[in-house]
Amino acid sequence: MSIIPSMLPDFRVRQRDYLLEISRLLTEELDLEKLLARILRVSIEMLAGQAGLIALKQPDGWRVSAAHGIAPAFLSYLTPLLAEEKVRELDVRELNRMLKELTYTASMGLLNGTGLPLAAHGQVIGVIFIFRNYADLFTPNDRTLLQSFADQAAIAVFNAQLYGQVSYEKQRLAALLESAADGILILDANLDIERCNGAFEKLFGQTREEITGKNHSSIIKWKKEPQGRTLEESVAGNWPLTPNATLYVEGDLARPAPPPLPVGITYAPLLSEEGKLRNVILSVRDISHFRTADEIKATFISIVSHELRTPVALIKGYASTLRRDDAKWDKHTISDSLAVIEEEADRLSKMIDDLLDASRLQAGGLSLNHADVAIPSLALRVSERFASQSPKHRIITDFPANFPVILGDENRLEQVVSNLVSNSLKYAPNGEIKISGSVRPEQVIICVSDEGPGIEAKDLPHIFDRFYRSTNAVKQTKGAGLGLYLTRAIVEAHGGRIWADASAGASGARICFSLPR
């Protein structure tokens, strides 16, 4: 029987070597997994052990972070045991006592255990536990050595954890930058670009390699004077005076490839502890759709005010004329005047209905009342109604026999066909207007064609836009530019699509829409 009262002499000689190795780990190894494996290897050698583990204290309890020479069955038992609620609250001494008892019982008295607490900056971060086949009897010098080793190891682990946390935060920041929908630039104190995200690459039209390293003024160039003070003007005026002094500038950003892009840029400063400018964070937002919304609003006010003025003026003029006391009107004149008043009132009513529908669309879509709809009967009804209003046109329908009944909102679909026929009546001076249908395996297609001048190529992409009216339309006809916009919305609400047939060309306009069977 042999009792080991202190560490072996050769271990004493290697004391400096072990401490030097751990010191190297402090500066050389920042990968936590590799660091723990090396610390555990040195620990097993120092304590003449057969196996060992390192358990680190996590917010939710103890977790085995490294192991060597331990049977998988024992490790699989130990791992959930450390995660138990009652074990989570154990301090290092209690944990060591539990591991010793467990080791002694599991090995039937053949193995003992020695634990070294890992403490850094005043807090316990883990424990090294070594399995040995002799008792843990150490001299005061041995304990001093072991404590020095454990302290060095704890600092190395703490630094590796801190590095891992910093790396994670960098990865998270990179992910946030790349997932941002707005373009983001990070400038240094000299206003040179340190970083650029993918969204700004797309907005600006250059790669980040071409953007990074350049000065802010060479990338952010305005096509014309922007709204708000530029960054350079603000910095020259001692901006920022406070950490939260953000800037906002709005204007047309000049890009390598035209056209310029309407953007709003927010500048946020990052100051040092001394209050000096360290970085500037730019958030660059594409505001094209806001510009479009403003243009639509201006167009809406212009068109509606113009379109409302005409019928209101006619109604007022005819009503005032009929009310004159100094004139006697015959029955025919009164009838004609009342007919004009009624026609203009109907026109006003139609415009108001269209505006309300457009408003409903903006608020969340049109509501549909689905039922069985016979499209040929609906088309015939529309053709008969318009035929009586325009003797210069011949309105016909052409549908194959056994055209399928579809599911839809009959009133809304009648509105679609009526809008298309009404458009043909407006733009085709005379001739034939045909409402036709064809059947496909999963859908039906309905077309309205005329013999007018057709749709110009430049207008084709825009005819279904809200308030859009071509130059010829503005000259020839009245309207607010809502008919085809609403027509498309109704068709799409039914799960179909609508398009203008570009091939019709000079032979007339042809607009078709599909509906699911």
Protein backbone atom coordinates (compact mmCIF):
# COMPACT_ATOMS: atom_id res chain seq x y z
CA MET A 1 0.00 0.00 0.00
CA SER A 2 1.38 3.43 -0.89
CA ILE A 3 0.20 6.80 0.35
CA ILE A 4 1.01 9.89 -1.72
CA PRO A 5 1.21 12.75 0.78
CA SER A 6 2.24 15.30 -1.80
CA MET A 7 2.72 15.72 -5.51
CA LEU A 8 5.52 13.66 -7.12
CA PRO A 9 8.91 15.40 -7.43
CA ASP A 10 8.83 15.49 -11.23
CA PHE A 11 5.47 17.28 -11.06
CA ARG A 12 7.08 19.84 -8.78
CA VAL A 13 9.82 20.34 -11.37
CA ARG A 14 7.15 20.80 -14.09
CA GLN A 15 5.23 23.39 -12.03
CA ARG A 16 6.65 26.26 -14.07
CA ASP A 17 5.97 24.43 -17.35
CA TYR A 18 2.28 23.91 -16.50
CA LEU A 19 1.80 27.52 -15.45
CA LEU A 20 3.63 28.76 -18.56
CA GLU A 21 1.41 26.63 -20.80
CA ILE A 22 -1.72 28.07 -19.23
CA SER A 23 -0.23 31.56 -19.60
CA ARG A 24 0.27 30.88 -23.31
CA LEU A 25 -3.32 29.73 -23.56
CA LEU A 26 -4.40 33.13 -22.26
CA THR A 27 -3.01 34.78 -25.38
CA GLU A 28 -2.91 32.01 -28.00
CA GLU A 29 -6.23 30.16 -27.78
CA LEU A 30 -9.59 31.91 -27.85
CA ASP A 31 -11.66 29.00 -29.14
CA LEU A 32 -13.46 27.91 -25.96
CA GLU A 33 -13.86 24.26 -26.95
CA LYS A 34 -10.15 23.82 -27.80
CA LEU A 35 -9.09 25.79 -24.72
CA LEU A 36 -11.13 23.61 -22.36
CA ALA A 37 -9.70 20.44 -23.92
CA ARG A 38 -6.11 21.67 -23.39
CA ILE A 39 -6.76 22.82 -19.82
CA LEU A 40 -8.35 19.45 -19.02
CA ARG A 41 -5.36 17.56 -20.49
CA VAL A 42 -2.88 19.57 -18.40
CA SER A 43 -5.06 19.11 -15.28
CA ILE A 44 -5.15 15.33 -15.66
CA GLU A 45 -1.35 15.25 -16.02
CA MET A 46 -0.77 17.54 -13.05
CA LEU A 47 -3.00 15.55 -10.72
CA ALA A 48 -1.90 12.13 -12.04
CA GLY A 49 -5.48 11.32 -12.92
CA GLN A 50 -7.09 8.80 -15.25
CA ALA A 51 -9.98 10.95 -16.53
CA GLY A 52 -11.64 14.30 -15.99
CA LEU A 53 -14.29 16.82 -16.89
CA ILE A 54 -14.85 20.56 -16.83
CA ALA A 55 -18.31 21.80 -15.87
CA LEU A 56 -19.12 25.47 -16.48
CA LYS A 57 -21.82 27.38 -14.63
CA GLN A 58 -24.49 28.64 -17.04
CA PRO A 59 -27.46 30.91 -16.24
CA ASP A 60 -29.69 27.82 -16.13
CA GLY A 61 -27.28 25.56 -14.16
CA TRP A 62 -24.11 23.44 -14.54
CA ARG A 63 -23.17 21.95 -17.90
CA VAL A 64 -20.37 19.53 -18.87
CA SER A 65 -18.30 21.52 -21.39
CA ALA A 66 -15.29 19.16 -21.77
CA ALA A 67 -14.60 15.53 -20.84
CA HIS A 68 -11.74 13.07 -21.27
CA GLY A 69 -11.49 9.35 -20.50
CA ILE A 70 -15.03 9.10 -19.11
CA ALA A 71 -17.24 6.20 -20.15
CA PRO A 72 -20.13 7.40 -22.39
CA ALA A 73 -22.68 5.69 -20.12
CA PHE A 74 -21.45 7.60 -17.07
CA LEU A 75 -21.33 10.89 -19.01
CA SER A 76 -24.86 10.40 -20.37
CA TYR A 77 -26.02 9.90 -16.76
CA LEU A 78 -24.08 12.87 -15.43
CA THR A 79 -25.17 15.43 -18.04
CA PRO A 80 -28.92 15.47 -17.17
CA LEU A 81 -28.08 15.14 -13.49
CA LEU A 82 -26.17 18.46 -13.52
CA ALA A 83 -29.12 20.14 -15.21
CA GLU A 84 -31.56 19.15 -12.45
CA GLU A 85 -33.16 22.00 -10.51
CA LYS A 86 -31.66 20.98 -7.12
CA VAL A 87 -28.15 20.69 -8.62
CA ARG A 88 -28.32 24.07 -10.39
CA GLU A 89 -28.13 25.91 -7.06
CA LEU A 90 -25.11 23.96 -5.70
CA ASP A 91 -21.89 25.88 -5.05
CA VAL A 92 -18.49 24.42 -6.02
CA ARG A 93 -17.89 22.65 -2.67
CA GLU A 94 -21.28 20.97 -2.71
CA LEU A 95 -20.85 20.05 -6.37
CA ASN A 96 -17.42 18.52 -5.67
CA ARG A 97 -18.83 16.53 -2.76
CA MET A 98 -21.66 15.23 -4.96
CA LEU A 99 -19.24 14.25 -7.75
CA LYS A 100 -16.91 12.48 -5.29
CA GLU A 101 -19.73 10.43 -3.82
CA LEU A 102 -21.04 9.61 -7.28
CA THR A 103 -17.53 8.59 -8.51
CA TYR A 104 -16.83 6.42 -5.47
CA THR A 105 -20.21 4.67 -5.75
CA ALA A 106 -20.07 4.19 -9.52
CA SER A 107 -16.52 2.72 -9.40
CA MET A 108 -17.29 0.54 -6.37
CA GLY A 109 -14.57 2.31 -4.36
CA LEU A 110 -11.86 2.08 -7.00
CA LEU A 111 -11.84 5.77 -8.03
CA ASN A 112 -11.63 9.01 -6.08
CA GLY A 113 -12.10 12.57 -7.27
CA THR A 114 -10.48 15.99 -6.94
CA GLY A 115 -12.14 19.23 -7.88
CA LEU A 116 -10.57 22.62 -8.65
CA PRO A 117 -12.89 25.62 -8.66
CA LEU A 118 -12.50 28.07 -11.56
CA ALA A 119 -12.97 31.65 -10.33
CA ALA A 120 -12.28 34.80 -12.32
CA HIS A 121 -12.93 38.44 -11.41
CA GLY A 122 -14.60 37.43 -8.17
CA GLN A 123 -17.12 35.00 -9.63
CA VAL A 124 -17.16 31.21 -9.94
CA ILE A 125 -17.41 30.21 -13.58
CA GLY A 126 -16.81 26.45 -13.35
CA VAL A 127 -15.03 23.47 -11.88
CA ILE A 128 -12.34 21.03 -13.07
CA PHE A 129 -12.98 17.53 -11.68
CA ILE A 130 -10.26 14.87 -12.01
CA PHE A 131 -10.87 11.12 -11.45
CA ARG A 132 -7.95 9.32 -9.71
CA ASN A 133 -7.28 5.97 -8.04
CA TYR A 134 -5.79 7.47 -4.86
CA ALA A 135 -6.89 10.00 -2.24
CA ASP A 136 -6.55 13.74 -2.73
CA LEU A 137 -3.86 14.45 -0.11
CA PHE A 138 -1.87 17.60 -0.87
CA THR A 139 0.74 19.68 0.95
CA PRO A 140 0.29 23.47 1.36
CA ASN A 141 2.77 23.98 -1.52
CA ASP A 142 0.74 21.61 -3.71
CA ARG A 143 -2.44 23.50 -2.94
CA THR A 144 -0.74 26.82 -3.76
CA LEU A 145 0.36 25.40 -7.10
CA LEU A 146 -3.06 23.97 -7.86
CA GLN A 147 -4.78 27.22 -6.92
CA SER A 148 -2.41 29.20 -9.17
CA PHE A 149 -3.12 26.79 -11.99
CA ALA A 150 -6.88 27.00 -11.44
CA ASP A 151 -6.76 30.81 -11.32
CA GLN A 152 -4.80 30.97 -14.58
CA ALA A 153 -7.16 28.48 -16.19
CA ALA A 154 -10.20 30.43 -14.99
CA ILE A 155 -8.87 33.66 -16.55
CA ALA A 156 -8.20 31.84 -19.81
CA VAL A 157 -11.74 30.41 -19.84
CA PHE A 158 -13.24 33.79 -18.91
CA ASN A 159 -11.35 35.50 -21.76
CA ALA A 160 -12.42 32.81 -24.23
CA GLN A 161 -16.05 33.18 -23.12
CA LEU A 162 -15.79 36.94 -23.46
CA TYR A 163 -14.26 36.56 -26.92
CA GLY A 164 -17.04 34.16 -27.87
CA GLN A 165 -19.64 36.68 -26.68
CA VAL A 166 -17.97 39.48 -28.65
CA SER A 167 -17.84 37.23 -31.74
CA TYR A 168 -21.51 36.41 -31.31
CA GLU A 169 -22.41 40.10 -30.98
CA LYS A 170 -20.41 40.85 -34.16
CA GLN A 171 -22.23 38.08 -36.00
CA ARG A 172 -25.57 39.36 -34.72
CA LEU A 173 -24.72 42.91 -35.79
CA ALA A 174 -23.69 41.65 -39.23
CA ALA A 175 -26.95 39.69 -39.51
CA LEU A 176 -28.96 42.76 -38.48
CA LEU A 177 -27.17 44.94 -41.02
CA GLU A 178 -27.67 42.45 -43.84
CA SER A 179 -31.33 41.78 -43.00
CA ALA A 180 -32.20 45.49 -42.86
CA ALA A 181 -34.44 46.65 -45.70
CA ASP A 182 -32.89 50.14 -45.61
CA GLY A 183 -29.41 50.85 -46.86
CA ILE A 184 -26.92 51.27 -44.00
CA LEU A 185 -23.46 52.88 -44.05
CA ILE A 186 -21.06 53.19 -41.12
CA LEU A 187 -18.60 56.09 -41.28
CA ASP A 188 -15.46 56.71 -39.22
CA ALA A 189 -14.54 60.04 -37.62
CA ASN A 190 -13.15 61.28 -40.97
CA LEU A 191 -16.49 60.44 -42.64
CA ASP A 192 -14.89 57.61 -44.61
CA ILE A 193 -17.12 54.57 -45.20
CA GLU A 194 -16.12 51.63 -42.98
CA ARG A 195 -19.05 49.35 -43.73
CA CYS A 196 -21.89 48.98 -46.20
CA ASN A 197 -24.79 46.52 -46.19
CA GLY A 198 -26.38 44.65 -49.10
CA ALA A 199 -29.46 46.88 -49.22
CA PHE A 200 -27.32 49.95 -49.94
CA GLU A 201 -25.45 48.04 -52.66
CA LYS A 202 -28.77 47.48 -54.44
CA LEU A 203 -29.99 51.04 -53.88
CA PHE A 204 -26.77 52.65 -55.10
CA GLY A 205 -25.83 50.22 -57.87
CA GLN A 206 -22.25 49.44 -56.84
CA THR A 207 -20.61 46.62 -54.87
CA ARG A 208 -19.52 47.19 -51.27
CA GLU A 209 -15.89 46.78 -52.38
CA GLU A 210 -16.34 49.82 -54.64
CA ILE A 211 -18.12 51.79 -51.87
CA THR A 212 -16.09 50.93 -48.74
CA GLY A 213 -13.12 53.17 -48.05
CA LYS A 214 -14.48 56.14 -49.97
CA ASN A 215 -15.44 59.39 -48.31
CA HIS A 216 -19.11 60.10 -47.63
CA SER A 217 -19.10 63.10 -49.97
CA SER A 218 -17.95 60.98 -52.93
CA ILE A 219 -20.87 58.53 -52.54
CA ILE A 220 -23.74 60.66 -51.18
CA LYS A 221 -24.12 63.23 -53.93
CA TRP A 222 -27.37 65.09 -54.47
CA LYS A 223 -28.81 65.70 -57.94
CA LYS A 224 -30.21 68.99 -56.69
CA GLU A 225 -30.28 70.87 -53.41
CA PRO A 226 -31.73 68.48 -50.77
CA GLN A 227 -34.21 69.32 -48.03
CA GLY A 228 -32.21 69.78 -44.82
CA ARG A 229 -28.55 70.45 -44.06
CA THR A 230 -26.04 68.00 -45.52
CA LEU A 231 -23.73 66.01 -43.24
CA GLU A 232 -20.67 68.03 -44.27
CA GLU A 233 -22.45 71.32 -43.51
CA SER A 234 -23.60 70.01 -40.14
CA VAL A 235 -20.14 68.70 -39.12
CA ALA A 236 -18.65 72.06 -40.11
CA GLY A 237 -21.16 73.62 -37.70
CA ASN A 238 -19.88 71.41 -34.82
CA TRP A 239 -22.51 68.68 -35.15
CA PRO A 240 -23.22 66.70 -33.02
CA LEU A 241 -23.44 68.66 -29.79
CA THR A 242 -25.26 65.79 -27.99
CA PRO A 243 -25.17 61.97 -28.41
CA ASN A 244 -28.75 61.81 -29.73
CA ALA A 245 -28.51 64.69 -32.21
CA THR A 246 -29.67 62.89 -35.36
CA LEU A 247 -29.86 64.53 -38.78
CA TYR A 248 -32.41 63.94 -41.54
CA VAL A 249 -31.85 64.89 -45.17
CA GLU A 250 -34.19 64.17 -48.07
CA GLY A 251 -33.52 64.52 -51.78
CA ASP A 252 -32.58 62.85 -55.06
CA LEU A 253 -29.43 60.71 -54.69
CA ALA A 254 -27.20 60.70 -57.77
CA ARG A 255 -26.16 57.15 -58.73
CA PRO A 256 -23.60 55.73 -61.17
CA ALA A 257 -26.47 54.61 -63.42
CA PRO A 258 -29.45 56.97 -63.82
CA PRO A 259 -32.10 57.80 -62.81
CA PRO A 260 -31.42 59.44 -59.44
CA LEU A 261 -33.18 57.81 -56.48
CA PRO A 262 -35.43 59.73 -54.04
CA VAL A 263 -34.08 58.90 -50.57
CA GLY A 264 -34.40 60.00 -46.96
CA ILE A 265 -31.15 59.67 -44.96
CA THR A 266 -30.98 59.62 -41.17
CA TYR A 267 -27.56 60.29 -39.61
CA ALA A 268 -26.97 59.01 -36.05
CA PRO A 269 -23.69 59.92 -34.27
CA LEU A 270 -21.64 57.60 -32.04
CA LEU A 271 -19.49 59.55 -29.57
CA SER A 272 -16.50 58.55 -27.44
CA GLU A 273 -16.47 59.00 -23.65
CA GLU A 274 -14.73 62.34 -24.22
CA GLY A 275 -17.61 63.47 -26.45
CA LYS A 276 -15.65 63.21 -29.71
CA LEU A 277 -17.23 61.84 -32.87
CA ARG A 278 -16.18 58.21 -33.45
CA ASN A 279 -18.70 56.94 -36.01
CA VAL A 280 -21.75 58.05 -37.96
CA ILE A 281 -24.48 55.53 -38.78
CA LEU A 282 -26.46 56.26 -41.97
CA SER A 283 -29.87 54.77 -42.62
CA VAL A 284 -30.80 55.32 -46.27
CA ARG A 285 -34.46 54.74 -47.17
CA ASP A 286 -35.95 54.62 -50.67
CA ILE A 287 -38.88 57.06 -50.55
CA SER A 288 -39.98 56.58 -54.17
CA HIS A 289 -43.35 55.20 -53.08
CA PHE A 290 -43.89 58.24 -50.82
CA ARG A 291 -43.15 60.49 -53.77
CA THR A 292 -45.54 58.41 -55.87
CA ALA A 293 -48.21 58.72 -53.17
CA ASP A 294 -47.77 62.50 -53.14
CA GLU A 295 -47.99 62.60 -56.93
CA ILE A 296 -51.12 60.42 -56.86
CA LYS A 297 -52.65 62.72 -54.26
CA ALA A 298 -51.88 65.78 -56.39
CA THR A 299 -53.22 64.01 -59.49
CA PHE A 300 -56.35 62.97 -57.59
CA ILE A 301 -57.05 66.53 -56.45
CA SER A 302 -56.42 67.90 -59.94
CA ILE A 303 -58.54 65.31 -61.79
CA VAL A 304 -61.40 65.16 -59.32
CA SER A 305 -61.68 68.93 -59.00
CA HIS A 306 -61.71 69.22 -62.80
CA GLU A 307 -64.12 66.35 -63.34
CA LEU A 308 -66.50 67.54 -60.62
CA ARG A 309 -66.47 71.15 -61.80
CA THR A 310 -67.93 70.35 -65.25
CA PRO A 311 -71.08 68.45 -64.23
CA VAL A 312 -71.71 70.76 -61.28
CA ALA A 313 -71.43 73.79 -63.57
CA LEU A 314 -73.81 72.24 -66.13
CA ILE A 315 -76.36 71.24 -63.47
CA LYS A 316 -76.23 74.69 -61.90
CA GLY A 317 -76.39 76.44 -65.30
CA TYR A 318 -79.42 74.51 -66.59
CA ALA A 319 -81.21 74.71 -63.22
CA SER A 320 -80.62 78.48 -63.03
CA THR A 321 -81.84 78.95 -66.60
CA LEU A 322 -85.04 76.99 -65.98
CA ARG A 323 -85.73 79.06 -62.84
CA ARG A 324 -85.55 82.41 -64.63
CA ASP A 325 -88.72 84.42 -64.12
CA ASP A 326 -88.24 86.57 -67.22
CA ALA A 327 -88.42 83.66 -69.68
CA LYS A 328 -91.04 81.12 -70.69
CA TRP A 329 -89.65 77.75 -71.76
CA ASP A 330 -91.47 75.35 -74.03
CA LYS A 331 -91.96 71.73 -73.04
CA HIS A 332 -89.21 70.43 -75.37
CA THR A 333 -86.57 72.84 -73.98
CA ILE A 334 -87.49 71.94 -70.40
CA SER A 335 -87.28 68.22 -71.22
CA ASP A 336 -83.86 68.61 -72.87
CA SER A 337 -82.56 70.69 -69.96
CA LEU A 338 -83.79 68.16 -67.39
CA ALA A 339 -82.21 65.35 -69.43
CA VAL A 340 -78.83 67.12 -69.26
CA ILE A 341 -79.24 67.65 -65.50
CA GLU A 342 -80.12 63.97 -65.03
CA GLU A 343 -77.21 62.81 -67.21
CA GLU A 344 -74.69 64.97 -65.33
CA ALA A 345 -76.13 63.87 -61.97
CA ASP A 346 -75.68 60.23 -63.07
CA ARG A 347 -72.13 61.04 -64.07
CA LEU A 348 -71.47 62.57 -60.66
CA SER A 349 -73.02 59.55 -58.96
CA LYS A 350 -70.83 57.17 -61.01
CA MET A 351 -67.71 59.15 -60.14
CA ILE A 352 -68.58 59.12 -56.44
CA ASP A 353 -69.18 55.34 -56.56
CA ASP A 354 -65.80 54.84 -58.24
CA LEU A 355 -64.05 57.01 -55.65
CA LEU A 356 -65.71 55.07 -52.83
CA ASP A 357 -64.64 51.77 -54.40
CA ALA A 358 -61.08 53.06 -54.75
CA SER A 359 -61.17 54.10 -51.09
CA ARG A 360 -62.41 50.64 -50.06
CA LEU A 361 -59.56 49.08 -52.01
CA GLN A 362 -57.04 51.22 -50.14
CA ALA A 363 -58.68 50.25 -46.83
CA GLY A 364 -58.41 46.52 -47.41
CA GLY A 365 -60.16 45.31 -50.53
CA LEU A 366 -63.60 44.86 -51.99
CA SER A 367 -66.16 42.54 -50.44
CA LEU A 368 -67.66 40.00 -52.85
CA ASN A 369 -71.01 38.18 -52.72
CA HIS A 370 -70.35 34.89 -54.49
CA ALA A 371 -73.03 33.04 -56.40
CA ASP A 372 -73.41 31.20 -59.72
CA VAL A 373 -72.90 33.59 -62.66
CA ALA A 374 -73.78 32.97 -66.32
CA ILE A 375 -71.30 35.22 -68.13
CA PRO A 376 -73.03 35.00 -71.61
CA SER A 377 -76.34 36.26 -70.15
CA LEU A 378 -74.53 39.01 -68.26
CA ALA A 379 -72.70 40.11 -71.44
CA LEU A 380 -75.93 40.13 -73.44
CA ARG A 381 -77.58 42.32 -70.80
CA VAL A 382 -74.69 44.82 -70.93
CA SER A 383 -74.67 44.91 -74.76
CA GLU A 384 -78.42 45.61 -74.93
CA ARG A 385 -78.15 48.43 -72.39
CA PHE A 386 -75.29 50.19 -74.22
CA ALA A 387 -76.71 49.56 -77.71
CA SER A 388 -79.63 51.85 -76.94
CA GLN A 389 -77.24 54.63 -75.88
CA SER A 390 -74.97 54.64 -78.96
CA PRO A 391 -76.52 54.07 -82.39
CA LYS A 392 -73.09 54.56 -84.08
CA HIS A 393 -71.80 51.28 -82.65
CA ARG A 394 -72.81 47.68 -83.12
CA ILE A 395 -72.36 45.73 -79.90
CA ILE A 396 -72.35 41.95 -80.26
CA THR A 397 -71.63 38.97 -78.01
CA ASP A 398 -69.86 35.78 -79.05
CA PHE A 399 -69.75 32.87 -76.57
CA PRO A 400 -69.48 29.13 -77.30
CA ALA A 401 -72.37 26.81 -76.46
CA ASN A 402 -72.30 25.29 -72.97
CA PHE A 403 -70.11 28.10 -71.62
CA PRO A 404 -69.57 27.10 -67.97
CA VAL A 405 -71.29 28.81 -65.07
CA ILE A 406 -68.69 30.30 -62.72
CA LEU A 407 -68.70 31.34 -59.07
CA GLY A 408 -68.45 35.10 -58.58
CA ASP A 409 -70.11 38.38 -57.65
CA GLU A 410 -72.53 39.06 -60.52
CA ASN A 411 -72.87 42.80 -59.84
CA ARG A 412 -69.12 43.30 -59.71
CA LEU A 413 -68.47 41.23 -62.84
CA GLU A 414 -71.17 43.23 -64.66
CA GLN A 415 -69.30 46.35 -63.54
CA VAL A 416 -66.12 44.92 -65.15
CA VAL A 417 -67.78 44.23 -68.51
CA SER A 418 -69.62 47.57 -68.42
CA ASN A 419 -66.38 49.48 -67.78
CA LEU A 420 -64.65 47.76 -70.70
CA VAL A 421 -67.56 48.38 -73.09
CA SER A 422 -67.85 51.98 -71.88
CA ASN A 423 -64.14 52.49 -72.64
CA SER A 424 -64.60 51.14 -76.17
CA LEU A 425 -67.54 53.48 -76.73
CA LYS A 426 -65.40 56.43 -75.60
CA TYR A 427 -62.30 55.75 -77.73
CA ALA A 428 -63.76 54.07 -80.83
CA PRO A 429 -65.80 56.67 -82.84
CA ASN A 430 -67.91 53.94 -84.43
CA GLY A 431 -67.82 50.34 -85.60
CA GLU A 432 -68.23 46.98 -83.91
CA ILE A 433 -67.66 46.24 -80.24
CA LYS A 434 -67.48 42.55 -79.44
CA ILE A 435 -67.80 40.82 -76.07
CA SER A 436 -66.43 37.29 -76.55
CA GLY A 437 -65.54 34.32 -74.37
CA SER A 438 -63.43 31.17 -74.58
CA VAL A 439 -63.02 28.16 -72.30
CA ARG A 440 -59.78 26.70 -70.93
CA PRO A 441 -59.38 23.60 -68.71
CA GLU A 442 -59.10 25.64 -65.48
CA GLN A 443 -60.37 29.09 -66.44
CA VAL A 444 -62.59 31.11 -68.74
CA ILE A 445 -61.38 34.12 -70.73
CA ILE A 446 -63.59 37.09 -71.60
CA CYS A 447 -62.46 39.78 -74.07
CA VAL A 448 -63.90 43.14 -75.14
CA SER A 449 -62.57 44.44 -78.46
CA ASP A 450 -63.35 47.44 -80.66
CA GLU A 451 -62.36 48.94 -84.01
CA GLY A 452 -60.91 52.19 -82.66
CA PRO A 453 -57.31 53.50 -82.83
CA GLY A 454 -56.04 51.00 -80.24
CA ILE A 455 -53.76 51.57 -77.24
CA GLU A 456 -50.35 53.17 -77.76
CA ALA A 457 -47.36 51.05 -76.69
CA LYS A 458 -46.18 53.66 -74.15
CA ASP A 459 -49.57 53.53 -72.40
CA LEU A 460 -49.89 49.72 -72.18
CA PRO A 461 -47.95 49.30 -68.90
CA HIS A 462 -50.00 52.00 -67.15
CA ILE A 463 -53.62 51.73 -68.29
CA PHE A 464 -54.64 49.84 -65.11
CA ASP A 465 -52.92 52.34 -62.78
CA ARG A 466 -55.03 54.53 -60.52
CA PHE A 467 -55.82 57.96 -62.05
CA TYR A 468 -53.74 57.19 -65.17
CA ARG A 469 -55.06 58.75 -68.38
CA SER A 470 -53.19 58.87 -71.68
CA THR A 471 -52.61 62.15 -73.49
CA ASN A 472 -55.24 61.26 -76.12
CA ALA A 473 -57.71 60.23 -73.40
CA VAL A 474 -57.39 63.58 -71.65
CA LYS A 475 -58.01 65.38 -74.97
CA GLN A 476 -60.91 63.22 -76.20
CA THR A 477 -62.95 62.06 -73.18
CA LYS A 478 -64.01 62.84 -69.66
CA GLY A 479 -63.10 60.65 -66.70
CA ALA A 480 -61.06 60.32 -63.50
CA GLY A 481 -58.88 57.39 -64.58
CA LEU A 482 -60.45 54.95 -62.12
CA GLY A 483 -62.45 52.63 -64.41
CA LEU A 484 -59.69 50.21 -65.43
CA TYR A 485 -58.06 50.43 -62.00
CA LEU A 486 -61.27 49.20 -60.37
CA THR A 487 -61.79 46.65 -63.13
CA ARG A 488 -58.41 45.08 -62.41
CA ALA A 489 -59.11 45.07 -58.65
CA ILE A 490 -62.43 43.24 -59.12
CA VAL A 491 -60.92 40.65 -61.47
CA GLU A 492 -58.00 39.98 -59.11
CA ALA A 493 -60.36 39.72 -56.14
CA HIS A 494 -62.01 36.84 -58.06
CA GLY A 495 -58.63 35.12 -58.43
CA GLY A 496 -58.24 36.11 -62.10
CA ARG A 497 -56.03 38.51 -64.03
CA ILE A 498 -56.56 41.18 -66.68
CA TRP A 499 -54.40 42.39 -69.55
CA ALA A 500 -54.43 44.50 -72.72
CA ASP A 501 -53.74 42.58 -75.92
CA ALA A 502 -50.80 44.44 -77.46
CA SER A 503 -51.12 42.52 -80.74
CA ALA A 504 -54.43 44.22 -81.54
CA GLY A 505 -52.48 47.38 -82.47
CA ALA A 506 -54.04 49.69 -85.03
CA SER A 507 -56.94 47.31 -85.63
CA GLY A 508 -58.41 48.41 -82.30
CA ALA A 509 -58.13 47.87 -78.59
CA ARG A 510 -58.68 44.44 -77.01
CA ILE A 511 -58.75 43.91 -73.26
CA CYS A 512 -59.15 40.42 -71.81
CA PHE A 513 -59.55 38.99 -68.33
CA SER A 514 -59.55 35.46 -66.95
CA LEU A 515 -61.64 33.93 -64.15
CA PRO A 516 -61.17 30.53 -62.49
CA ARG A 517 -63.79 27.92 -63.37
